[in-house]
């Protein structure tokens, strides 16, 4: 193998590594953008729920909450929420999880369900 063949081979390897690095950069950028969009929607959803629960929600408060929940579900299904733990799954949840205490399993033996006082 001649010197020029080795140079061409190394150049091809370098070009492939450069393309791989660029692809990884695009993935990271997409995740960051998805995270920013999801964060903004979560913030707006929290503000809308807070306003609704404190009696300061407008006449369209419930509709706004529904729109934001649907938008977040769509975002999660299409692009994830931008974190490594929530990749797009292609399926949507059937609904929000139940509030704490509802339909949750009873504490296992040795665990108490009430507050602890620090005394045996």
PDB file of N, CA and C in Angstrom:
ATOM      1  N   UNK A   1       0.858  -1.172   0.000  1.00  0.00           N
ATOM      2  CA  UNK A   1       0.000   0.000   0.000  1.00  0.00           C
ATOM      3  C   UNK A   1       0.900   1.229   0.000  1.00  0.00           C
ATOM      4  N   UNK A   2       0.627   2.117  -0.924  1.00  0.00           N
ATOM      5  CA  UNK A   2       1.454   3.291  -1.066  1.00  0.00           C
ATOM      6  C   UNK A   2       1.088   4.375  -0.078  1.00  0.00           C
ATOM      7  N   UNK A   3       1.910   5.347  -0.020  1.00  0.00           N
ATOM      8  CA  UNK A   3       1.705   6.464   0.893  1.00  0.00           C
ATOM      9  C   UNK A   3       0.397   7.189   0.587  1.00  0.00           C
ATOM     10  N   UNK A   4       0.105   7.396  -0.668  1.00  0.00           N
ATOM     11  CA  UNK A   4      -1.124   8.106  -1.048  1.00  0.00           C
ATOM     12  C   UNK A   4      -2.364   7.307  -0.653  1.00  0.00           C
ATOM     13  N   UNK A   5      -2.305   5.982  -0.754  1.00  0.00           N
ATOM     14  CA  UNK A   5      -3.450   5.155  -0.346  1.00  0.00           C
ATOM     15  C   UNK A   5      -3.707   5.301   1.151  1.00  0.00           C
ATOM     16  N   UNK A   6      -2.636   5.308   1.932  1.00  0.00           N
ATOM     17  CA  UNK A   6      -2.791   5.482   3.387  1.00  0.00           C
ATOM     18  C   UNK A   6      -3.357   6.857   3.722  1.00  0.00           C
ATOM     19  N   UNK A   7      -2.908   7.872   3.016  1.00  0.00           N
ATOM     20  CA  UNK A   7      -3.407   9.224   3.253  1.00  0.00           C
ATOM     21  C   UNK A   7      -4.903   9.295   2.920  1.00  0.00           C
ATOM     22  N   UNK A   8      -5.301   8.687   1.802  1.00  0.00           N
ATOM     23  CA  UNK A   8      -6.718   8.680   1.418  1.00  0.00           C
ATOM     24  C   UNK A   8      -7.553   7.930   2.460  1.00  0.00           C
ATOM     25  N   UNK A   9      -7.040   6.804   2.935  1.00  0.00           N
ATOM     26  CA  UNK A   9      -7.767   6.016   3.938  1.00  0.00           C
ATOM     27  C   UNK A   9      -7.936   6.814   5.229  1.00  0.00           C
ATOM     28  N   UNK A  10      -6.875   7.472   5.662  1.00  0.00           N
ATOM     29  CA  UNK A  10      -6.966   8.272   6.879  1.00  0.00           C
ATOM     30  C   UNK A  10      -7.909   9.456   6.694  1.00  0.00           C
ATOM     31  N   UNK A  11      -7.895  10.051   5.518  1.00  0.00           N
ATOM     32  CA  UNK A  11      -8.796  11.169   5.236  1.00  0.00           C
ATOM     33  C   UNK A  11     -10.253  10.692   5.263  1.00  0.00           C
ATOM     34  N   UNK A  12     -10.507   9.516   4.728  1.00  0.00           N
ATOM     35  CA  UNK A  12     -11.865   8.973   4.744  1.00  0.00           C
ATOM     36  C   UNK A  12     -12.316   8.678   6.176  1.00  0.00           C
ATOM     37  N   UNK A  13     -11.409   8.140   6.973  1.00  0.00           N
ATOM     38  CA  UNK A  13     -11.742   7.860   8.375  1.00  0.00           C
ATOM     39  C   UNK A  13     -12.028   9.160   9.129  1.00  0.00           C
ATOM     40  N   UNK A  14     -11.228  10.152   8.891  1.00  0.00           N
ATOM     41  CA  UNK A  14     -11.418  11.449   9.539  1.00  0.00           C
ATOM     42  C   UNK A  14     -12.755  12.080   9.123  1.00  0.00           C
ATOM     43  N   UNK A  15     -13.084  11.966   7.846  1.00  0.00           N
ATOM     44  CA  UNK A  15     -14.355  12.519   7.363  1.00  0.00           C
ATOM     45  C   UNK A  15     -15.532  11.795   8.020  1.00  0.00           C
ATOM     46  N   UNK A  16     -15.431  10.480   8.177  1.00  0.00           N
ATOM     47  CA  UNK A  16     -16.510   9.722   8.812  1.00  0.00           C
ATOM     48  C   UNK A  16     -16.651  10.112  10.280  1.00  0.00           C
ATOM     49  N   UNK A  17     -15.533  10.253  10.979  1.00  0.00           N
ATOM     50  CA  UNK A  17     -15.592  10.662  12.387  1.00  0.00           C
ATOM     51  C   UNK A  17     -16.189  12.063  12.516  1.00  0.00           C
ATOM     52  N   UNK A  18     -15.871  12.941  11.593  1.00  0.00           N
ATOM     53  CA  UNK A  18     -16.418  14.295  11.607  1.00  0.00           C
ATOM     54  C   UNK A  18     -17.928  14.262  11.411  1.00  0.00           C
ATOM     55  N   UNK A  19     -18.396  13.423  10.490  1.00  0.00           N
ATOM     56  CA  UNK A  19     -19.835  13.301  10.257  1.00  0.00           C
ATOM     57  C   UNK A  19     -20.535  12.735  11.488  1.00  0.00           C
ATOM     58  N   UNK A  20     -19.931  11.748  12.142  1.00  0.00           N
ATOM     59  CA  UNK A  20     -20.510  11.166  13.347  1.00  0.00           C
ATOM     60  C   UNK A  20     -20.598  12.210  14.466  1.00  0.00           C
ATOM     61  N   UNK A  21     -19.552  12.997  14.623  1.00  0.00           N
ATOM     62  CA  UNK A  21     -19.556  14.035  15.649  1.00  0.00           C
ATOM     63  C   UNK A  21     -20.620  15.088  15.350  1.00  0.00           C
ATOM     64  N   UNK A  22     -20.777  15.443  14.082  1.00  0.00           N
ATOM     65  CA  UNK A  22     -21.803  16.417  13.705  1.00  0.00           C
ATOM     66  C   UNK A  22     -23.191  15.859  13.997  1.00  0.00           C
ATOM     67  N   UNK A  23     -23.407  14.578  13.704  1.00  0.00           N
ATOM     68  CA  UNK A  23     -24.700  13.961  13.986  1.00  0.00           C
ATOM     69  C   UNK A  23     -24.981  13.964  15.484  1.00  0.00           C
ATOM     70  N   UNK A  24     -23.996  13.634  16.304  1.00  0.00           N
ATOM     71  CA  UNK A  24     -24.166  13.664  17.758  1.00  0.00           C
ATOM     72  C   UNK A  24     -24.499  15.080  18.232  1.00  0.00           C
ATOM     73  N   UNK A  25     -23.860  16.063  17.626  1.00  0.00           N
ATOM     74  CA  UNK A  25     -24.137  17.460  17.972  1.00  0.00           C
ATOM     75  C   UNK A  25     -25.564  17.848  17.634  1.00  0.00           C
ATOM     76  N   UNK A  26     -26.045  17.382  16.471  1.00  0.00           N
ATOM     77  CA  UNK A  26     -27.438  17.668  16.094  1.00  0.00           C
ATOM     78  C   UNK A  26     -28.413  17.024  17.068  1.00  0.00           C
ATOM     79  N   UNK A  27     -28.124  15.803  17.487  1.00  0.00           N
ATOM     80  CA  UNK A  27     -29.000  15.111  18.449  1.00  0.00           C
ATOM     81  C   UNK A  27     -29.033  15.880  19.762  1.00  0.00           C
ATOM     82  N   UNK A  28     -27.878  16.307  20.236  1.00  0.00           N
ATOM     83  CA  UNK A  28     -27.817  17.053  21.490  1.00  0.00           C
ATOM     84  C   UNK A  28     -28.568  18.388  21.363  1.00  0.00           C
ATOM     85  N   UNK A  29     -28.448  19.049  20.221  1.00  0.00           N
ATOM     86  CA  UNK A  29     -29.150  20.304  19.997  1.00  0.00           C
ATOM     87  C   UNK A  29     -30.659  20.076  19.972  1.00  0.00           C
ATOM     88  N   UNK A  30     -31.087  19.016  19.286  1.00  0.00           N
ATOM     89  CA  UNK A  30     -32.519  18.689  19.252  1.00  0.00           C
ATOM     90  C   UNK A  30     -33.053  18.423  20.654  1.00  0.00           C
ATOM     91  N   UNK A  31     -32.286  17.700  21.467  1.00  0.00           N
ATOM     92  CA  UNK A  31     -32.710  17.419  22.833  1.00  0.00           C
ATOM     93  C   UNK A  31     -32.814  18.704  23.652  1.00  0.00           C
ATOM     94  N   UNK A  32     -31.856  19.592  23.487  1.00  0.00           N
ATOM     95  CA  UNK A  32     -31.882  20.857  24.229  1.00  0.00           C
ATOM     96  C   UNK A  32     -33.092  21.698  23.813  1.00  0.00           C
ATOM     97  N   UNK A  33     -33.386  21.731  22.520  1.00  0.00           N
ATOM     98  CA  UNK A  33     -34.540  22.490  22.061  1.00  0.00           C
ATOM     99  C   UNK A  33     -35.838  21.874  22.565  1.00  0.00           C
ATOM    100  N   UNK A  34     -35.924  20.551  22.544  1.00  0.00           N
ATOM    101  CA  UNK A  34     -37.118  19.866  23.052  1.00  0.00           C
ATOM    102  C   UNK A  34     -37.289  20.136  24.543  1.00  0.00           C
ATOM    103  N   UNK A  35     -36.179  20.134  25.282  1.00  0.00           N
ATOM    104  CA  UNK A  35     -36.232  20.407  26.718  1.00  0.00           C
ATOM    105  C   UNK A  35     -36.718  21.834  26.978  1.00  0.00           C
ATOM    106  N   UNK A  36     -36.235  22.793  26.200  1.00  0.00           N
ATOM    107  CA  UNK A  36     -36.673  24.179  26.380  1.00  0.00           C
ATOM    108  C   UNK A  36     -38.164  24.337  26.069  1.00  0.00           C
ATOM    109  N   UNK A  37     -38.617  23.699  24.985  1.00  0.00           N
ATOM    110  CA  UNK A  37     -40.047  23.781  24.654  1.00  0.00           C
ATOM    111  C   UNK A  37     -40.887  23.150  25.755  1.00  0.00           C
ATOM    112  N   UNK A  38     -40.471  21.972  26.216  1.00  0.00           N
ATOM    113  CA  UNK A  38     -41.224  21.281  27.272  1.00  0.00           C
ATOM    114  C   UNK A  38     -41.203  22.092  28.563  1.00  0.00           C
ATOM    115  N   UNK A  39     -40.060  22.661  28.911  1.00  0.00           N
ATOM    116  CA  UNK A  39     -39.971  23.475  30.133  1.00  0.00           C
ATOM    117  C   UNK A  39     -40.932  24.661  30.067  1.00  0.00           C
ATOM    118  N   UNK A  40     -41.001  25.305  28.918  1.00  0.00           N
ATOM    119  CA  UNK A  40     -41.902  26.449  28.772  1.00  0.00           C
ATOM    120  C   UNK A  40     -43.355  26.002  28.908  1.00  0.00           C
ATOM    121  N   UNK A  41     -43.684  24.858  28.301  1.00  0.00           N
ATOM    122  CA  UNK A  41     -45.063  24.367  28.407  1.00  0.00           C
ATOM    123  C   UNK A  41     -45.391  23.945  29.837  1.00  0.00           C
ATOM    124  N   UNK A  42     -44.436  23.299  30.519  1.00  0.00           N
ATOM    125  CA  UNK A  42     -44.660  22.925  31.916  1.00  0.00           C
ATOM    126  C   UNK A  42     -44.852  24.164  32.791  1.00  0.00           C
ATOM    127  N   UNK A  43     -44.067  25.190  32.540  1.00  0.00           N
ATOM    128  CA  UNK A  43     -44.202  26.435  33.307  1.00  0.00           C
ATOM    129  C   UNK A  43     -45.584  27.048  33.085  1.00  0.00           C
ATOM    130  N   UNK A  44     -45.999  27.127  31.823  1.00  0.00           N
ATOM    131  CA  UNK A  44     -47.318  27.685  31.507  1.00  0.00           C
ATOM    132  C   UNK A  44     -48.434  26.831  32.105  1.00  0.00           C
ATOM    133  N   UNK A  45     -48.257  25.517  32.057  1.00  0.00           N
ATOM    134  CA  UNK A  45     -49.266  24.619  32.632  1.00  0.00           C
ATOM    135  C   UNK A  45     -49.356  24.816  34.141  1.00  0.00           C
ATOM    136  N   UNK A  46     -48.223  24.910  34.801  1.00  0.00           N
ATOM    137  CA  UNK A  46     -48.222  25.126  36.242  1.00  0.00           C
ATOM    138  C   UNK A  46     -48.892  26.440  36.609  1.00  0.00           C
ATOM    139  N   UNK A  47     -48.609  27.486  35.849  1.00  0.00           N
ATOM    140  CA  UNK A  47     -49.226  28.787  36.121  1.00  0.00           C
ATOM    141  C   UNK A  47     -50.735  28.725  35.899  1.00  0.00           C
ATOM    142  N   UNK A  48     -51.161  28.029  34.858  1.00  0.00           N
ATOM    143  CA  UNK A  48     -52.593  27.923  34.578  1.00  0.00           C
ATOM    144  C   UNK A  48     -53.310  27.118  35.656  1.00  0.00           C
ATOM    145  N   UNK A  49     -52.700  26.028  36.100  1.00  0.00           N
ATOM    146  CA  UNK A  49     -53.313  25.213  37.157  1.00  0.00           C
ATOM    147  C   UNK A  49     -53.359  26.006  38.455  1.00  0.00           C
ATOM    148  N   UNK A  50     -52.288  26.700  38.774  1.00  0.00           N
ATOM    149  CA  UNK A  50     -52.256  27.509  39.995  1.00  0.00           C
ATOM    150  C   UNK A  50     -53.360  28.569  39.953  1.00  0.00           C
ATOM    151  N   UNK A  51     -53.464  29.263  38.835  1.00  0.00           N
ATOM    152  CA  UNK A  51     -54.499  30.296  38.712  1.00  0.00           C
ATOM    153  C   UNK A  51     -55.885  29.681  38.852  1.00  0.00           C
ATOM    154  N   UNK A  52     -56.079  28.529  38.248  1.00  0.00           N
ATOM    155  CA  UNK A  52     -57.382  27.860  38.322  1.00  0.00           C
ATOM    156  C   UNK A  52     -57.704  27.442  39.755  1.00  0.00           C
ATOM    157  N   UNK A  53     -56.730  26.866  40.442  1.00  0.00           N
ATOM    158  CA  UNK A  53     -56.956  26.367  41.806  1.00  0.00           C
ATOM    159  C   UNK A  53     -57.116  27.485  42.830  1.00  0.00           C
ATOM    160  N   UNK A  54     -56.562  28.643  42.551  1.00  0.00           N
ATOM    161  CA  UNK A  54     -56.676  29.746  43.504  1.00  0.00           C
ATOM    162  C   UNK A  54     -57.818  30.693  43.138  1.00  0.00           C
ATOM    163  N   UNK A  55     -58.630  30.302  42.180  1.00  0.00           N
ATOM    164  CA  UNK A  55     -59.785  31.100  41.803  1.00  0.00           C
ATOM    165  C   UNK A  55     -59.463  32.291  40.935  1.00  0.00           C
ATOM    166  N   UNK A  56     -58.263  32.346  40.386  1.00  0.00           N
ATOM    167  CA  UNK A  56     -57.875  33.479  39.545  1.00  0.00           C
ATOM    168  C   UNK A  56     -57.822  33.118  38.072  1.00  0.00           C
ATOM    169  N   UNK A  57     -58.281  31.902  37.749  1.00  0.00           N
ATOM    170  CA  UNK A  57     -58.273  31.479  36.352  1.00  0.00           C
ATOM    171  C   UNK A  57     -59.367  32.184  35.581  1.00  0.00           C
ATOM    172  N   UNK A  58     -59.097  32.492  34.354  1.00  0.00           N
ATOM    173  CA  UNK A  58     -60.092  33.151  33.519  1.00  0.00           C
ATOM    174  C   UNK A  58     -61.150  32.158  33.054  1.00  0.00           C
ATOM    175  N   UNK A  59     -62.058  32.634  32.260  1.00  0.00           N
ATOM    176  CA  UNK A  59     -63.128  31.752  31.782  1.00  0.00           C
ATOM    177  C   UNK A  59     -62.607  30.626  30.889  1.00  0.00           C
ATOM    178  N   UNK A  60     -61.437  30.800  30.323  1.00  0.00           N
ATOM    179  CA  UNK A  60     -60.878  29.771  29.456  1.00  0.00           C
ATOM    180  C   UNK A  60     -59.752  28.986  30.138  1.00  0.00           C
ATOM    181  N   UNK A  61     -59.685  29.048  31.464  1.00  0.00           N
ATOM    182  CA  UNK A  61     -58.604  28.395  32.203  1.00  0.00           C
ATOM    183  C   UNK A  61     -58.547  26.892  31.983  1.00  0.00           C
ATOM    184  N   UNK A  62     -59.693  26.224  32.080  1.00  0.00           N
ATOM    185  CA  UNK A  62     -59.724  24.768  31.893  1.00  0.00           C
ATOM    186  C   UNK A  62     -59.345  24.400  30.465  1.00  0.00           C
ATOM    187  N   UNK A  63     -59.798  25.189  29.498  1.00  0.00           N
ATOM    188  CA  UNK A  63     -59.464  24.920  28.099  1.00  0.00           C
ATOM    189  C   UNK A  63     -57.962  25.105  27.860  1.00  0.00           C
ATOM    190  N   UNK A  64     -57.376  26.116  28.498  1.00  0.00           N
ATOM    191  CA  UNK A  64     -55.938  26.357  28.349  1.00  0.00           C
ATOM    192  C   UNK A  64     -55.150  25.191  28.942  1.00  0.00           C
ATOM    193  N   UNK A  65     -55.583  24.691  30.083  1.00  0.00           N
ATOM    194  CA  UNK A  65     -54.914  23.553  30.713  1.00  0.00           C
ATOM    195  C   UNK A  65     -54.992  22.337  29.792  1.00  0.00           C
ATOM    196  N   UNK A  66     -56.177  22.089  29.240  1.00  0.00           N
ATOM    197  CA  UNK A  66     -56.340  20.959  28.320  1.00  0.00           C
ATOM    198  C   UNK A  66     -55.434  21.097  27.102  1.00  0.00           C
ATOM    199  N   UNK A  67     -55.352  22.307  26.536  1.00  0.00           N
ATOM    200  CA  UNK A  67     -54.491  22.532  25.366  1.00  0.00           C
ATOM    201  C   UNK A  67     -53.027  22.257  25.712  1.00  0.00           C
ATOM    202  N   UNK A  68     -52.583  22.726  26.879  1.00  0.00           N
ATOM    203  CA  UNK A  68     -51.190  22.528  27.267  1.00  0.00           C
ATOM    204  C   UNK A  68     -50.883  21.059  27.520  1.00  0.00           C
ATOM    205  N   UNK A  69     -51.804  20.336  28.138  1.00  0.00           N
ATOM    206  CA  UNK A  69     -51.592  18.907  28.380  1.00  0.00           C
ATOM    207  C   UNK A  69     -51.486  18.166  27.052  1.00  0.00           C
ATOM    208  N   UNK A  70     -52.359  18.500  26.107  1.00  0.00           N
ATOM    209  CA  UNK A  70     -52.305  17.861  24.787  1.00  0.00           C
ATOM    210  C   UNK A  70     -51.004  18.203  24.071  1.00  0.00           C
ATOM    211  N   UNK A  71     -50.587  19.462  24.157  1.00  0.00           N
ATOM    212  CA  UNK A  71     -49.345  19.878  23.505  1.00  0.00           C
ATOM    213  C   UNK A  71     -48.148  19.156  24.114  1.00  0.00           C
ATOM    214  N   UNK A  72     -48.124  19.007  25.434  1.00  0.00           N
ATOM    215  CA  UNK A  72     -47.033  18.284  26.085  1.00  0.00           C
ATOM    216  C   UNK A  72     -47.043  16.806  25.693  1.00  0.00           C
ATOM    217  N   UNK A  73     -48.217  16.214  25.607  1.00  0.00           N
ATOM    218  CA  UNK A  73     -48.313  14.817  25.191  1.00  0.00           C
ATOM    219  C   UNK A  73     -47.799  14.643  23.769  1.00  0.00           C
ATOM    220  N   UNK A  74     -48.159  15.580  22.889  1.00  0.00           N
ATOM    221  CA  UNK A  74     -47.687  15.530  21.507  1.00  0.00           C
ATOM    222  C   UNK A  74     -46.167  15.685  21.455  1.00  0.00           C
ATOM    223  N   UNK A  75     -45.643  16.640  22.213  1.00  0.00           N
ATOM    224  CA  UNK A  75     -44.198  16.872  22.255  1.00  0.00           C
ATOM    225  C   UNK A  75     -43.465  15.621  22.719  1.00  0.00           C
ATOM    226  N   UNK A  76     -43.984  15.002  23.772  1.00  0.00           N
ATOM    227  CA  UNK A  76     -43.340  13.807  24.316  1.00  0.00           C
ATOM    228  C   UNK A  76     -43.382  12.662  23.309  1.00  0.00           C
ATOM    229  N   UNK A  77     -44.501  12.488  22.631  1.00  0.00           N
ATOM    230  CA  UNK A  77     -44.640  11.401  21.672  1.00  0.00           C
ATOM    231  C   UNK A  77     -43.757  11.610  20.444  1.00  0.00           C
ATOM    232  N   UNK A  78     -43.632  12.861  19.998  1.00  0.00           N
ATOM    233  CA  UNK A  78     -42.887  13.138  18.777  1.00  0.00           C
ATOM    234  C   UNK A  78     -41.392  13.288  19.006  1.00  0.00           C
ATOM    235  N   UNK A  79     -41.006  13.994  20.059  1.00  0.00           N
ATOM    236  CA  UNK A  79     -39.596  14.329  20.240  1.00  0.00           C
ATOM    237  C   UNK A  79     -39.078  14.062  21.635  1.00  0.00           C
ATOM    238  N   UNK A  80     -39.906  13.561  22.510  1.00  0.00           N
ATOM    239  CA  UNK A  80     -39.483  13.404  23.892  1.00  0.00           C
ATOM    240  C   UNK A  80     -39.517  14.748  24.583  1.00  0.00           C
ATOM    241  N   UNK A  81     -39.147  14.737  25.836  1.00  0.00           N
ATOM    242  CA  UNK A  81     -39.150  15.982  26.599  1.00  0.00           C
ATOM    243  C   UNK A  81     -37.756  16.551  26.745  1.00  0.00           C
ATOM    244  N   UNK A  82     -36.811  15.977  26.016  1.00  0.00           N
ATOM    245  CA  UNK A  82     -35.467  16.529  26.003  1.00  0.00           C
ATOM    246  C   UNK A  82     -34.526  15.931  27.010  1.00  0.00           C
ATOM    247  N   UNK A  83     -35.011  15.015  27.823  1.00  0.00           N
ATOM    248  CA  UNK A  83     -34.112  14.350  28.759  1.00  0.00           C
ATOM    249  C   UNK A  83     -33.899  12.919  28.285  1.00  0.00           C
ATOM    250  N   UNK A  84     -32.838  12.315  28.744  1.00  0.00           N
ATOM    251  CA  UNK A  84     -32.508  10.975  28.260  1.00  0.00           C
ATOM    252  C   UNK A  84     -33.507   9.943  28.721  1.00  0.00           C
ATOM    253  N   UNK A  85     -34.277  10.224  29.768  1.00  0.00           N
ATOM    254  CA  UNK A  85     -35.218   9.244  30.290  1.00  0.00           C
ATOM    255  C   UNK A  85     -36.561   9.257  29.594  1.00  0.00           C
ATOM    256  N   UNK A  86     -36.845  10.254  28.774  1.00  0.00           N
ATOM    257  CA  UNK A  86     -38.148  10.301  28.120  1.00  0.00           C
ATOM    258  C   UNK A  86     -37.976  10.410  26.622  1.00  0.00           C
ATOM    259  N   UNK A  87     -37.612   9.335  26.012  1.00  0.00           N
ATOM    260  CA  UNK A  87     -37.491   9.283  24.570  1.00  0.00           C
ATOM    261  C   UNK A  87     -38.871   9.124  23.974  1.00  0.00           C
ATOM    262  N   UNK A  88     -39.067   9.562  22.749  1.00  0.00           N
ATOM    263  CA  UNK A  88     -40.369   9.390  22.123  1.00  0.00           C
ATOM    264  C   UNK A  88     -40.746   7.921  22.116  1.00  0.00           C
ATOM    265  N   UNK A  89     -41.955   7.628  22.560  1.00  0.00           N
ATOM    266  CA  UNK A  89     -42.360   6.235  22.679  1.00  0.00           C
ATOM    267  C   UNK A  89     -43.341   5.833  21.601  1.00  0.00           C
ATOM    268  N   UNK A  90     -43.955   6.808  20.953  1.00  0.00           N
ATOM    269  CA  UNK A  90     -44.929   6.491  19.943  1.00  0.00           C
ATOM    270  C   UNK A  90     -46.289   6.151  20.525  1.00  0.00           C
ATOM    271  N   UNK A  91     -46.400   6.155  21.845  1.00  0.00           N
ATOM    272  CA  UNK A  91     -47.689   5.899  22.470  1.00  0.00           C
ATOM    273  C   UNK A  91     -47.949   6.988  23.484  1.00  0.00           C
ATOM    274  N   UNK A  92     -49.215   7.247  23.719  1.00  0.00           N
ATOM    275  CA  UNK A  92     -49.573   8.269  24.692  1.00  0.00           C
ATOM    276  C   UNK A  92     -50.142   7.598  25.919  1.00  0.00           C
ATOM    277  N   UNK A  93     -49.951   8.228  27.048  1.00  0.00           N
ATOM    278  CA  UNK A  93     -50.512   7.711  28.291  1.00  0.00           C
ATOM    279  C   UNK A  93     -52.018   7.810  28.238  1.00  0.00           C
ATOM    280  N   UNK A  94     -52.658   6.966  29.031  1.00  0.00           N
ATOM    281  CA  UNK A  94     -54.110   7.005  29.075  1.00  0.00           C
ATOM    282  C   UNK A  94     -54.602   8.144  29.945  1.00  0.00           C
ATOM    283  N   UNK A  95     -53.735   8.754  30.706  1.00  0.00           N
ATOM    284  CA  UNK A  95     -54.129   9.871  31.548  1.00  0.00           C
ATOM    285  C   UNK A  95     -53.062  10.132  32.580  1.00  0.00           C
ATOM    286  N   UNK A  96     -53.282  11.149  33.391  1.00  0.00           N
ATOM    287  CA  UNK A  96     -52.285  11.471  34.408  1.00  0.00           C
ATOM    288  C   UNK A  96     -52.283  10.418  35.505  1.00  0.00           C
ATOM    289  N   UNK A  97     -51.173  10.278  36.218  1.00  0.00           N
ATOM    290  CA  UNK A  97     -51.122   9.320  37.315  1.00  0.00           C
ATOM    291  C   UNK A  97     -52.060   9.771  38.431  1.00  0.00           C
ATOM    292  N   UNK A  98     -52.551   8.833  39.238  1.00  0.00           N
ATOM    293  CA  UNK A  98     -53.441   9.223  40.325  1.00  0.00           C
ATOM    294  C   UNK A  98     -52.681  10.032  41.359  1.00  0.00           C
ATOM    295  N   UNK A  99     -53.385  10.940  42.059  1.00  0.00           N
ATOM    296  CA  UNK A  99     -52.718  11.709  43.114  1.00  0.00           C
ATOM    297  C   UNK A  99     -52.202  10.781  44.204  1.00  0.00           C
ATOM    298  N   UNK A 100     -51.211  11.238  44.927  1.00  0.00           N
ATOM    299  CA  UNK A 100     -50.640  10.423  46.005  1.00  0.00           C
ATOM    300  C   UNK A 100     -51.730  10.023  46.980  1.00  0.00           C
ATOM    301  N   UNK A 101     -51.731   8.772  47.353  1.00  0.00           N
ATOM    302  CA  UNK A 101     -52.705   8.283  48.310  1.00  0.00           C
ATOM    303  C   UNK A 101     -53.856   7.552  47.649  1.00  0.00           C
ATOM    304  N   UNK A 102     -54.207   7.939  46.423  1.00  0.00           N
ATOM    305  CA  UNK A 102     -55.301   7.267  45.732  1.00  0.00           C
ATOM    306  C   UNK A 102     -54.754   6.072  44.970  1.00  0.00           C
ATOM    307  N   UNK A 103     -55.354   4.932  45.158  1.00  0.00           N
ATOM    308  CA  UNK A 103     -54.996   3.713  44.449  1.00  0.00           C
ATOM    309  C   UNK A 103     -53.537   3.328  44.621  1.00  0.00           C
ATOM    310  N   UNK A 104     -52.894   3.825  45.654  1.00  0.00           N
ATOM    311  CA  UNK A 104     -51.513   3.442  45.875  1.00  0.00           C
ATOM    312  C   UNK A 104     -51.491   2.242  46.806  1.00  0.00           C
ATOM    313  N   UNK A 105     -50.491   1.359  46.653  1.00  0.00           N
ATOM    314  CA  UNK A 105     -50.445   0.177  47.492  1.00  0.00           C
ATOM    315  C   UNK A 105     -50.197   0.555  48.946  1.00  0.00           C
ATOM    316  N   UNK A 106     -50.707  -0.253  49.875  1.00  0.00           N
ATOM    317  CA  UNK A 106     -50.474   0.050  51.284  1.00  0.00           C
ATOM    318  C   UNK A 106     -48.998  -0.099  51.607  1.00  0.00           C
ATOM    319  N   UNK A 107     -48.533   0.592  52.657  1.00  0.00           N
ATOM    320  CA  UNK A 107     -47.121   0.471  53.017  1.00  0.00           C
ATOM    321  C   UNK A 107     -46.802  -0.961  53.416  1.00  0.00           C
ATOM    322  N   UNK A 108     -45.584  -1.381  53.084  1.00  0.00           N
ATOM    323  CA  UNK A 108     -45.185  -2.733  53.433  1.00  0.00           C
ATOM    324  C   UNK A 108     -44.940  -2.827  54.938  1.00  0.00           C
ATOM    325  N   UNK A 109     -44.847  -4.048  55.426  1.00  0.00           N
ATOM    326  CA  UNK A 109     -44.639  -4.264  56.860  1.00  0.00           C
ATOM    327  C   UNK A 109     -43.388  -3.519  57.307  1.00  0.00           C
ATOM    328  N   UNK A 110     -43.477  -2.872  58.425  1.00  0.00           N
ATOM    329  CA  UNK A 110     -42.329  -2.144  58.945  1.00  0.00           C
ATOM    330  C   UNK A 110     -42.365  -0.679  58.562  1.00  0.00           C
ATOM    331  N   UNK A 111     -43.231  -0.307  57.597  1.00  0.00           N
ATOM    332  CA  UNK A 111     -43.349   1.091  57.218  1.00  0.00           C
ATOM    333  C   UNK A 111     -44.655   1.617  57.767  1.00  0.00           C
ATOM    334  N   UNK A 112     -44.629   2.815  58.251  1.00  0.00           N
ATOM    335  CA  UNK A 112     -45.866   3.387  58.776  1.00  0.00           C
ATOM    336  C   UNK A 112     -46.396   4.350  57.744  1.00  0.00           C
ATOM    337  N   UNK A 113     -47.711   4.531  57.731  1.00  0.00           N
ATOM    338  CA  UNK A 113     -48.294   5.447  56.772  1.00  0.00           C
ATOM    339  C   UNK A 113     -48.439   6.843  57.355  1.00  0.00           C
ATOM    340  N   UNK A 114     -48.216   7.005  58.650  1.00  0.00           N
ATOM    341  CA  UNK A 114     -48.355   8.309  59.292  1.00  0.00           C
ATOM    342  C   UNK A 114     -47.005   8.969  59.478  1.00  0.00           C
ATOM    343  N   UNK A 115     -47.012  10.173  60.035  1.00  0.00           N
ATOM    344  CA  UNK A 115     -45.753  10.876  60.270  1.00  0.00           C
ATOM    345  C   UNK A 115     -44.954  10.183  61.365  1.00  0.00           C
ATOM    346  N   UNK A 116     -43.655  10.288  61.229  1.00  0.00           N
ATOM    347  CA  UNK A 116     -42.786   9.674  62.242  1.00  0.00           C
ATOM    348  C   UNK A 116     -42.454  10.701  63.286  1.00  0.00           C
ATOM    349  N   UNK A 117     -42.360  10.256  64.522  1.00  0.00           N
ATOM    350  CA  UNK A 117     -42.060  11.189  65.613  1.00  0.00           C
ATOM    351  C   UNK A 117     -40.636  11.016  66.112  1.00  0.00           C
ATOM    352  N   UNK A 118     -39.977   9.984  65.636  1.00  0.00           N
ATOM    353  CA  UNK A 118     -38.617   9.752  66.082  1.00  0.00           C
ATOM    354  C   UNK A 118     -38.568   8.889  67.341  1.00  0.00           C
ATOM    355  N   UNK A 119     -39.718   8.544  67.870  1.00  0.00           N
ATOM    356  CA  UNK A 119     -39.783   7.707  69.067  1.00  0.00           C
ATOM    357  C   UNK A 119     -40.266   6.323  68.668  1.00  0.00           C
ATOM    358  N   UNK A 120     -39.757   5.252  69.305  1.00  0.00           N
ATOM    359  CA  UNK A 120     -40.168   3.895  68.931  1.00  0.00           C
ATOM    360  C   UNK A 120     -41.585   3.589  69.327  1.00  0.00           C
TER     361      UNK A 120
END
